[in-house]
Amino acid sequence: MEKRKKQWAKRPPAVTAVAWAIVILFGIRLYQVIESLIGSGILKNGISGPLFSGLGLTLLGNAVMISTSYLVLSLAGIVVLIAFLRLHRWSWVVLMAWTAVSLTITLVGYFYRQPESQPNYLVMASNTIIAIALNQAEVQRIFGIRMDDGQNLQ
């Protein structure tokens, strides 16, 4: 119990900011799951048609695939969040890679979007907060990513 109290006491505020940004992204992904299911009528009518047409997906199959991918991303985000709050080094690496990929996808979508589609500014802002917070020296030190002179990584 004493070890856990010390762990919470030495956690930098940037770790808390990242945790809140992940919670916001989790909420956005869950909303996208539900929105896709409502838009395709699956929640109201169930799966009422084929998911595949030949080797491709039907519109219904595409909606199911999108919802499933957002649900998997949400669940993975929760696992990473728990590991991040427990200060596991691998969670910092996963979050940094995840943030880089997500920022790249949202920025490409922003510059090459269709005129009628709106960019997701909340996702871009959350990813920016996460990237800035993860690159702070105190956060990198606590996760063992950066070390001071004379310090050994274990």
Foldseek 3Di string as FASTA:
>chain_A
DVVVVVLVVLDDVLLVLLLVLLVVLLVVLQVLLVVLCVVVCCVPPNPDDDQDDVPHGDSSVVSVVSSVVSVVVSVVSVVLSVCSSVLALVSLVVLLVVLVVQLVVLVVCVVPPDPPDDRDVSNNVSSVSNNVSSPDPSNCVSNVNDDDPPDDGD
